[in-house]
Amino acid sequence: MPDRSNLNSSQLPPPDAEAQAQSERLIELVREAIAREGGRIPFDRYMDLALYAPWVGYYTGGMRKFGAEGDFVTAPEISPLFSRCLGRQCQQVLERLGGGDILEFGAGSGAMAADLLAELDRQGRLPGRYLILDLSPELRQRQHETLQSRVPHLLERVQWLDVLPETPFNGVVLANELLDAMPVQRFRVRDGELLEQYVAMEQGRFIPRWEPVATPGLAEAVRRLVGRYGAQWTDYQSEINLRAEAWVQGIGQCLGQGLALLIDYGYGQREYYHAQRDRGTLMCHYRHRAHDDPFVYPGLQDITAHVDFTAVAWAARASGFEVAGFTTQAFFLMGAGLDRLLAEADPDDAQNYLRLTQGVKRLTLPTEMGERFKVLGLGKGLDFTPLGFAVRDQRERL
C-alpha cells in the first residue's frame, strides 16, 4: 500500500454517481447511529460501519477494492510468487501433521487462494479443505470466479464460511492484511489527561470529538501503555485495537494443531508507541492515494491502522499458542524459497521474467513492502521451525 500523505478531498478523484449513492446511504446509516446514541459514537463504531455495514460498507459494498482498478494492491496481486511461498510453508506444515486443512481470512480477490492451491497441487500436498471466511457477498463471488478460472479442478475443495468452524481442525490459518482493517479505538494523552475520540455530526459533516474515555477496557489499556512508553508523551495521539484479542482467542479455539500466519504492516509495541509517532498510524486508501482523513467519502475508502504485533503475541500466548516466529516479509519469503522459485523461471521468457523480478523487488525491498510488512507465526503443537522463520527470526522486536 502507498505511504501516508496529506491529500484532501479536493485532490481525490470524485466518485461516480453509483458510488456516491452508496456513500450517501452509509452516511445516513451512521447519522442514525449517532442520533440513537445521544449525538456521538466511539471512533471504532464509526470505522466498523464505514467498513462493514451490510451492503454499503467499504468491504461489503460492490465497489472494486483490489488491483489496478481499485484502491490498493496487495501482495498476492503483485506477484504469484508470494502465494507460492506461502504454499511451500503450508506444504511443510501439512506434511509434518500428516495432512490437514487451510483457513484463509478475508480472501480478497481470491488470487492468493488460487495460486496457493496450485502450488500445493504441484507439490502433491493439497489440504483436505480450503476454507474461506469472508463476509462480503461481492468478494465471495469474485473469489469463486477467480478460482473457477484458474484452478477449476480444485474448486470442490473450497468452502466458504460465515463463522469460525465449530469443530477444531489441524492445519494452517492465513490472515494477509486482515488485522489492519479491524476497527480501532483512538486515544489521546494530553498533559496527563486521557481522552477518547468520538464521531459526531455537525452541519451535515462528520467531525471528531475528544472527550473522556467511556469504552470499556480502553482506559486500563492506555494506562498500561503510558506506564511503559509514555514518559515523553505531552500531547500524544494513537490508536489501540481492543478487538484483536477476541479474534486471536477465536482462532485459538478452532485450530487444534498447526500454524497461524498473520501478515500485515505494523511494529512491535515499543516501535508502535514511540514518542515521535505522536499522531498514530491511521491511514485511508482511495484509488491508490493515501491520506489520513477517515471522514472523506465514507464507505468508499479503506481505513486502516498498523498492527501492534506485541499485543497480538501476548493475546496468542494467553489463547494456547506459542510464538513460532516473527520476521519481516522479505526474510519470510526468502526462508520459504522465494529465490529458488524465481530461479525456476525461464529468463528467455523476457516479459514474464521481468514481471516476476519486478514483483520480487516490490515484495522484498525495504523501501517497498519488505520491511514494512511483518509476519507473525503462532504455533500449536509444532516441534519444528517453520520455513519462513529459518533465515531470520526477529522475536526480539516484539
Protein backbone atom coordinates (compact mmCIF):
# COMPACT_ATOMS: atom_id res chain seq x y z
CA MET A 1 0.00 0.00 0.00
CA PRO A 2 1.16 3.57 -0.56
CA ASP A 3 2.70 5.71 2.15
CA ARG A 4 0.84 8.37 4.08
CA SER A 5 0.38 11.83 2.59
CA ASN A 6 -1.59 14.98 3.31
CA LEU A 7 -4.10 14.68 0.49
CA ASN A 8 -7.51 16.23 1.00
CA SER A 9 -10.81 15.52 -0.72
CA SER A 10 -10.30 18.22 -3.34
CA GLN A 11 -7.23 16.34 -4.57
CA LEU A 12 -9.02 12.97 -4.79
CA PRO A 13 -10.88 11.73 -7.87
CA PRO A 14 -14.62 12.22 -7.36
CA PRO A 15 -16.76 9.06 -7.16
CA ASP A 16 -19.24 8.26 -9.89
CA ALA A 17 -22.98 8.50 -9.30
CA GLU A 18 -23.39 4.88 -8.19
CA ALA A 19 -20.54 5.11 -5.68
CA GLN A 20 -21.77 8.45 -4.39
CA ALA A 21 -25.23 6.96 -3.81
CA GLN A 22 -23.69 4.10 -1.81
CA SER A 23 -21.72 6.59 0.28
CA GLU A 24 -24.84 8.63 0.97
CA ARG A 25 -26.69 5.52 2.18
CA LEU A 26 -23.83 4.78 4.57
CA ILE A 27 -23.77 8.39 5.78
CA GLU A 28 -27.45 8.13 6.62
CA LEU A 29 -26.83 4.87 8.49
CA VAL A 30 -24.07 6.45 10.58
CA ARG A 31 -26.18 9.56 11.17
CA GLU A 32 -28.96 7.36 12.57
CA ALA A 33 -26.48 5.56 14.85
CA ILE A 34 -25.18 8.88 16.16
CA ALA A 35 -28.72 10.07 16.86
CA ARG A 36 -29.63 6.83 18.68
CA GLU A 37 -26.55 7.05 20.89
CA GLY A 38 -27.08 10.61 22.04
CA GLY A 39 -25.14 12.60 19.48
CA ARG A 40 -21.85 10.74 19.22
CA ILE A 41 -20.40 7.28 18.68
CA PRO A 42 -16.90 5.96 19.52
CA PHE A 43 -14.49 6.05 16.59
CA ASP A 44 -14.28 2.25 16.41
CA ARG A 45 -18.06 2.12 15.90
CA TYR A 46 -17.77 4.63 13.05
CA MET A 47 -14.91 2.62 11.49
CA ASP A 48 -16.92 -0.60 11.85
CA LEU A 49 -19.90 0.90 10.00
CA ALA A 50 -17.74 2.56 7.34
CA LEU A 51 -16.02 -0.72 6.52
CA TYR A 52 -18.57 -3.45 7.28
CA ALA A 53 -22.13 -2.11 7.35
CA PRO A 54 -24.15 -4.63 5.28
CA TRP A 55 -24.23 -3.75 1.56
CA VAL A 56 -22.97 -0.18 1.99
CA GLY A 57 -19.68 -0.55 3.91
CA TYR A 58 -16.35 -0.46 2.12
CA TYR A 59 -15.79 -4.23 2.29
CA THR A 60 -19.43 -5.23 1.97
CA GLY A 61 -20.48 -2.92 -0.87
CA GLY A 62 -19.94 -3.67 -4.53
CA MET A 63 -17.08 -1.28 -5.34
CA ARG A 64 -13.84 -2.79 -6.67
CA LYS A 65 -11.16 -2.66 -3.99
CA PHE A 66 -8.13 -4.68 -5.08
CA GLY A 67 -5.81 -4.30 -8.04
CA ALA A 68 -5.10 -1.53 -10.52
CA GLU A 69 -8.78 -0.62 -10.84
CA GLY A 70 -9.34 -0.50 -7.08
CA ASP A 71 -7.85 1.41 -4.18
CA PHE A 72 -4.72 -0.61 -3.39
CA VAL A 73 -2.74 -3.64 -4.49
CA THR A 74 -1.96 -6.47 -2.08
CA ALA A 75 0.97 -8.87 -2.24
CA PRO A 76 -0.92 -11.73 -3.99
CA GLU A 77 -1.80 -9.34 -6.83
CA ILE A 78 1.78 -8.08 -7.07
CA SER A 79 3.28 -11.50 -7.76
CA PRO A 80 2.15 -15.14 -7.74
CA LEU A 81 5.46 -15.94 -6.06
CA PHE A 82 4.09 -14.52 -2.81
CA SER A 83 1.33 -17.13 -2.68
CA ARG A 84 3.63 -19.86 -3.91
CA CYS A 85 5.96 -19.14 -0.98
CA LEU A 86 3.02 -19.37 1.39
CA GLY A 87 2.14 -22.64 -0.34
CA ARG A 88 5.59 -24.01 0.42
CA GLN A 89 5.15 -23.04 4.08
CA CYS A 90 1.74 -24.71 4.15
CA GLN A 91 3.25 -27.78 2.49
CA GLN A 92 5.79 -28.15 5.29
CA VAL A 93 3.12 -27.90 7.98
CA LEU A 94 0.71 -30.30 6.26
CA GLU A 95 3.48 -32.85 5.71
CA ARG A 96 4.58 -32.73 9.34
CA LEU A 97 0.99 -33.03 10.54
CA GLY A 98 0.14 -35.81 8.10
CA GLY A 99 -2.49 -33.66 6.37
CA GLY A 100 -4.98 -31.03 7.42
CA ASP A 101 -6.99 -28.04 6.27
CA ILE A 102 -6.26 -24.39 5.46
CA LEU A 103 -8.41 -21.49 6.64
CA GLU A 104 -7.96 -18.10 4.98
CA PHE A 105 -9.50 -14.97 6.46
CA GLY A 106 -10.59 -12.22 4.11
CA ALA A 107 -9.53 -13.79 0.81
CA GLY A 108 -9.79 -10.58 -1.23
CA SER A 109 -9.85 -11.25 -4.95
CA GLY A 110 -9.15 -14.96 -4.48
CA ALA A 111 -5.73 -14.67 -6.11
CA MET A 112 -3.86 -15.97 -3.08
CA ALA A 113 -6.15 -18.99 -2.70
CA ALA A 114 -5.83 -19.87 -6.38
CA ASP A 115 -2.03 -19.57 -6.56
CA LEU A 116 -1.50 -21.28 -3.22
CA LEU A 117 -3.72 -24.23 -4.13
CA ALA A 118 -1.98 -24.54 -7.49
CA GLU A 119 1.40 -24.69 -5.74
CA LEU A 120 0.21 -27.36 -3.30
CA ASP A 121 -1.24 -29.31 -6.22
CA ARG A 122 2.16 -29.24 -7.95
CA GLN A 123 3.80 -30.49 -4.75
CA GLY A 124 1.24 -33.24 -4.22
CA ARG A 125 0.19 -31.91 -0.82
CA LEU A 126 -3.32 -30.49 -1.16
CA PRO A 127 -5.29 -29.75 2.01
CA GLY A 128 -8.41 -31.71 2.75
CA ARG A 129 -10.37 -28.45 2.68
CA TYR A 130 -9.55 -24.85 1.80
CA LEU A 131 -11.84 -22.78 3.99
CA ILE A 132 -12.51 -19.09 3.34
CA LEU A 133 -14.15 -16.86 5.92
CA ASP A 134 -15.24 -13.67 4.18
CA LEU A 135 -18.43 -11.77 4.98
CA SER A 136 -18.60 -9.77 1.74
CA PRO A 137 -21.05 -11.27 -0.79
CA GLU A 138 -19.39 -9.34 -3.62
CA LEU A 139 -15.91 -10.58 -2.69
CA ARG A 140 -17.13 -14.16 -2.26
CA GLN A 141 -18.47 -14.06 -5.80
CA ARG A 142 -15.23 -12.65 -7.11
CA GLN A 143 -13.23 -15.31 -5.25
CA HIS A 144 -15.38 -18.03 -6.75
CA GLU A 145 -14.85 -16.61 -10.24
CA THR A 146 -11.08 -16.41 -9.73
CA LEU A 147 -10.86 -19.99 -8.51
CA GLN A 148 -13.17 -21.23 -11.26
CA SER A 149 -10.97 -19.53 -13.84
CA ARG A 150 -7.54 -20.53 -12.50
CA VAL A 151 -7.98 -23.86 -10.70
CA PRO A 152 -11.41 -25.27 -11.66
CA HIS A 153 -10.36 -28.82 -10.78
CA LEU A 154 -9.67 -27.73 -7.17
CA LEU A 155 -12.82 -25.71 -6.59
CA GLU A 156 -14.58 -28.62 -4.90
CA ARG A 157 -12.07 -28.40 -2.02
CA VAL A 158 -13.04 -24.78 -1.28
CA GLN A 159 -15.74 -23.96 1.25
CA TRP A 160 -16.96 -20.51 2.26
CA LEU A 161 -17.82 -19.95 5.92
CA ASP A 162 -19.95 -17.39 7.74
CA VAL A 163 -18.42 -18.11 11.15
CA LEU A 164 -15.39 -19.89 12.55
CA PRO A 165 -15.50 -23.70 12.39
CA GLU A 166 -17.20 -25.18 15.45
CA THR A 167 -15.05 -28.32 15.34
CA PRO A 168 -11.28 -27.74 15.76
CA PHE A 169 -9.16 -28.66 12.76
CA ASN A 170 -5.45 -29.24 12.19
CA GLY A 171 -3.55 -27.30 9.56
CA VAL A 172 -2.85 -23.66 8.72
CA VAL A 173 -4.63 -20.36 9.32
CA LEU A 174 -3.77 -17.48 6.98
CA ALA A 175 -4.57 -13.81 7.52
CA ASN A 176 -2.98 -11.46 4.99
CA GLU A 177 -3.76 -7.79 5.61
CA LEU A 178 -6.66 -8.59 7.90
CA LEU A 179 -5.72 -7.15 11.29
CA ASP A 180 -5.02 -3.69 9.88
CA ALA A 181 -8.68 -3.42 8.86
CA MET A 182 -10.09 -4.21 12.31
CA PRO A 183 -11.84 -1.21 13.91
CA VAL A 184 -9.67 0.59 16.45
CA GLN A 185 -10.20 3.00 19.31
CA ARG A 186 -8.38 6.32 19.01
CA PHE A 187 -6.99 7.82 22.21
CA ARG A 188 -5.18 10.99 23.21
CA VAL A 189 -2.99 11.73 26.22
CA ARG A 190 -2.74 15.50 26.74
CA ASP A 191 -0.94 16.85 29.79
CA GLY A 192 -1.81 13.71 31.71
CA GLU A 193 -5.49 13.73 30.69
CA LEU A 194 -6.80 10.65 28.88
CA LEU A 195 -9.31 11.24 26.07
CA GLU A 196 -11.10 9.08 23.54
CA GLN A 197 -12.14 10.10 20.04
CA TYR A 198 -15.82 10.08 19.19
CA VAL A 199 -17.57 10.93 15.96
CA ALA A 200 -20.41 13.45 15.84
CA MET A 201 -22.29 15.26 13.10
CA GLU A 202 -22.17 18.99 12.59
CA GLN A 203 -23.66 20.90 9.67
CA GLY A 204 -24.05 17.70 7.69
CA ARG A 205 -20.44 16.57 8.19
CA PHE A 206 -18.79 14.01 10.45
CA ILE A 207 -16.41 15.60 12.93
CA PRO A 208 -14.10 14.11 15.59
CA ARG A 209 -14.53 14.97 19.25
CA TRP A 210 -12.05 14.29 22.02
CA GLU A 211 -13.91 13.54 25.26
CA PRO A 212 -13.37 11.45 28.43
CA VAL A 213 -12.96 7.73 27.86
CA ALA A 214 -16.11 5.61 28.00
CA THR A 215 -15.23 2.45 26.05
CA PRO A 216 -14.83 -0.48 28.50
CA GLY A 217 -11.22 -1.55 28.86
CA LEU A 218 -9.72 1.36 26.94
CA ALA A 219 -8.60 3.45 29.93
CA GLU A 220 -6.84 0.48 31.53
CA ALA A 221 -5.12 -0.48 28.28
CA VAL A 222 -3.87 3.05 27.63
CA ARG A 223 -2.64 3.48 31.19
CA ARG A 224 -0.52 0.37 30.74
CA LEU A 225 0.96 1.90 27.58
CA VAL A 226 1.61 5.17 29.39
CA GLY A 227 3.41 3.28 32.12
CA ARG A 228 5.67 1.53 29.60
CA TYR A 229 6.29 4.17 26.95
CA GLY A 230 4.62 7.44 27.90
CA ALA A 231 7.32 9.24 29.87
CA GLN A 232 7.80 11.70 26.97
CA TRP A 233 4.14 11.97 25.92
CA THR A 234 2.78 15.53 26.26
CA ASP A 235 0.13 15.66 23.54
CA TYR A 236 0.15 12.13 22.17
CA GLN A 237 -2.45 10.58 19.88
CA SER A 238 -2.64 6.98 18.69
CA GLU A 239 -4.95 4.02 18.41
CA ILE A 240 -5.43 0.64 20.03
CA ASN A 241 -7.16 -2.48 18.74
CA LEU A 242 -9.20 -3.98 21.56
CA ARG A 243 -10.88 -6.48 19.21
CA ALA A 244 -7.73 -8.34 18.23
CA GLU A 245 -7.59 -10.32 21.48
CA ALA A 246 -11.04 -11.85 20.93
CA TRP A 247 -10.13 -12.67 17.32
CA VAL A 248 -6.95 -14.45 18.41
CA GLN A 249 -8.92 -16.37 21.04
CA GLY A 250 -11.32 -17.45 18.29
CA ILE A 251 -8.61 -18.92 16.07
CA GLY A 252 -7.04 -20.49 19.14
CA GLN A 253 -10.28 -22.37 19.75
CA CYS A 254 -10.73 -23.58 16.17
CA LEU A 255 -7.10 -24.60 15.44
CA GLY A 256 -6.23 -27.85 17.15
CA GLN A 257 -2.67 -28.27 15.92
CA GLY A 258 -0.81 -26.28 13.31
CA LEU A 259 0.36 -22.81 12.36
CA ALA A 260 -1.35 -19.43 12.06
CA LEU A 261 0.40 -16.87 9.86
CA LEU A 262 -0.54 -13.20 10.32
CA ILE A 263 0.91 -10.95 7.62
CA ASP A 264 0.47 -7.20 7.87
CA TYR A 265 2.18 -3.88 8.21
CA GLY A 266 2.96 -2.94 11.78
CA TYR A 267 5.51 -2.84 14.57
CA GLY A 268 6.46 -4.30 17.88
CA GLN A 269 4.85 -2.30 20.67
CA ARG A 270 7.96 -0.32 21.55
CA GLU A 271 8.21 0.98 18.00
CA TYR A 272 4.46 1.46 17.64
CA TYR A 273 4.12 3.78 20.61
CA HIS A 274 7.38 5.66 20.14
CA ALA A 275 7.19 9.25 21.35
CA GLN A 276 7.93 10.57 17.86
CA ARG A 277 4.93 8.71 16.39
CA ASP A 278 2.63 11.14 18.16
CA ARG A 279 -0.29 11.13 15.71
CA GLY A 280 -0.71 7.38 15.41
CA THR A 281 -0.77 5.26 12.28
CA LEU A 282 -4.32 5.58 10.93
CA MET A 283 -4.36 5.63 7.11
CA CYS A 284 -7.03 5.77 4.43
CA HIS A 285 -6.73 4.45 0.87
CA TYR A 286 -8.77 5.65 -2.08
CA ARG A 287 -7.85 4.86 -5.68
CA HIS A 288 -4.17 4.31 -4.90
CA ARG A 289 -3.91 7.54 -2.91
CA ALA A 290 -3.22 7.58 0.81
CA HIS A 291 -4.30 10.21 3.33
CA ASP A 292 -5.30 10.46 6.98
CA ASP A 293 -8.91 11.72 6.91
CA PRO A 294 -11.35 8.87 7.73
CA PHE A 295 -14.37 11.08 7.00
CA VAL A 296 -13.72 11.52 3.27
CA TYR A 297 -16.10 9.51 1.04
CA PRO A 298 -17.41 7.24 3.83
CA GLY A 299 -17.88 3.70 2.60
CA LEU A 300 -15.74 4.25 -0.50
CA GLN A 301 -12.28 4.30 1.07
CA ASP A 302 -10.35 1.83 3.15
CA ILE A 303 -9.48 2.82 6.73
CA THR A 304 -6.57 1.01 8.35
CA ALA A 305 -4.20 1.15 11.30
CA HIS A 306 -0.85 -0.54 11.73
CA VAL A 307 -0.75 -3.71 13.80
CA ASP A 308 0.67 -3.88 17.32
CA PHE A 309 2.28 -7.31 16.94
CA THR A 310 3.37 -7.41 20.58
CA ALA A 311 -0.23 -7.18 21.78
CA VAL A 312 -1.24 -9.88 19.31
CA ALA A 313 1.57 -12.16 20.52
CA TRP A 314 0.54 -11.67 24.17
CA ALA A 315 -3.08 -12.49 23.32
CA ALA A 316 -1.93 -15.56 21.40
CA ARG A 317 0.06 -16.93 24.33
CA ALA A 318 -2.98 -16.50 26.55
CA SER A 319 -5.00 -18.46 23.96
CA GLY A 320 -2.78 -21.54 23.92
CA PHE A 321 -0.40 -20.57 21.11
CA GLU A 322 3.36 -20.40 21.12
CA VAL A 323 5.09 -17.72 19.08
CA ALA A 324 6.67 -19.74 16.28
CA GLY A 325 8.46 -16.78 14.75
CA PHE A 326 8.37 -13.09 13.89
CA THR A 327 10.18 -11.53 10.96
CA THR A 328 9.89 -9.17 8.04
CA GLN A 329 8.08 -10.16 4.88
CA ALA A 330 11.37 -10.16 2.97
CA PHE A 331 13.06 -12.61 5.34
CA PHE A 332 9.95 -14.80 5.48
CA LEU A 333 9.69 -15.10 1.70
CA MET A 334 13.39 -15.88 1.41
CA GLY A 335 13.06 -18.59 4.04
CA ALA A 336 10.09 -20.04 2.17
CA GLY A 337 12.10 -20.35 -1.05
CA LEU A 338 11.47 -17.15 -2.99
CA ASP A 339 14.93 -17.17 -4.57
CA ARG A 340 14.53 -20.78 -5.70
CA LEU A 341 11.11 -20.13 -7.20
CA LEU A 342 12.48 -17.15 -9.13
CA ALA A 343 15.44 -19.25 -10.32
CA GLU A 344 12.99 -21.77 -11.79
CA ALA A 345 11.52 -19.11 -14.09
CA ASP A 346 12.70 -19.10 -17.69
CA PRO A 347 14.87 -15.99 -18.29
CA ASP A 348 14.35 -16.41 -22.04
CA ASP A 349 10.69 -15.56 -21.50
CA ALA A 350 11.69 -11.95 -21.10
CA GLN A 351 8.29 -10.43 -20.42
CA ASN A 352 7.30 -12.91 -17.72
CA TYR A 353 10.76 -12.92 -16.15
CA LEU A 354 10.81 -9.13 -15.96
CA ARG A 355 7.35 -9.13 -14.37
CA LEU A 356 8.50 -11.67 -11.77
CA THR A 357 11.69 -9.80 -10.90
CA GLN A 358 9.82 -6.52 -10.56
CA GLY A 359 7.32 -8.23 -8.29
CA VAL A 360 10.10 -9.67 -6.13
CA LYS A 361 11.55 -6.19 -5.69
CA ARG A 362 8.21 -4.80 -4.54
CA LEU A 363 7.72 -7.68 -2.11
CA THR A 364 11.20 -7.59 -0.57
CA LEU A 365 12.89 -4.19 -0.87
CA PRO A 366 12.98 -2.22 2.42
CA THR A 367 11.62 0.84 0.61
CA GLU A 368 8.66 -1.21 -0.66
CA MET A 369 6.92 -3.99 1.34
CA GLY A 370 9.95 -5.96 2.50
CA GLU A 371 10.49 -4.21 5.83
CA ARG A 372 7.15 -2.51 6.48
CA PHE A 373 5.25 -5.80 6.36
CA LYS A 374 5.86 -8.34 9.09
CA VAL A 375 4.92 -11.99 9.55
CA LEU A 376 3.92 -13.36 12.94
CA GLY A 377 3.76 -17.14 13.26
CA LEU A 378 1.62 -18.68 16.00
CA GLY A 379 2.07 -22.38 16.56
CA LYS A 380 0.19 -25.15 18.33
CA GLY A 381 1.84 -28.50 18.92
CA LEU A 382 4.69 -27.85 16.46
CA ASP A 383 8.08 -29.44 17.05
CA PHE A 384 9.86 -27.78 14.12
CA THR A 385 10.83 -24.30 12.91
CA PRO A 386 8.56 -23.09 10.11
CA LEU A 387 10.44 -22.46 6.87
CA GLY A 388 9.66 -18.77 6.76
CA PHE A 389 11.45 -18.05 10.02
CA ALA A 390 14.60 -20.05 9.29
CA VAL A 391 16.55 -17.17 7.69
CA ARG A 392 15.98 -14.56 10.40
CA ASP A 393 13.72 -14.75 13.43
CA GLN A 394 13.24 -11.33 14.98
CA ARG A 395 11.20 -12.13 18.05
CA GLU A 396 13.36 -9.70 20.00
CA ARG A 397 11.46 -6.90 18.22
CA LEU A 398 8.19 -7.94 19.87
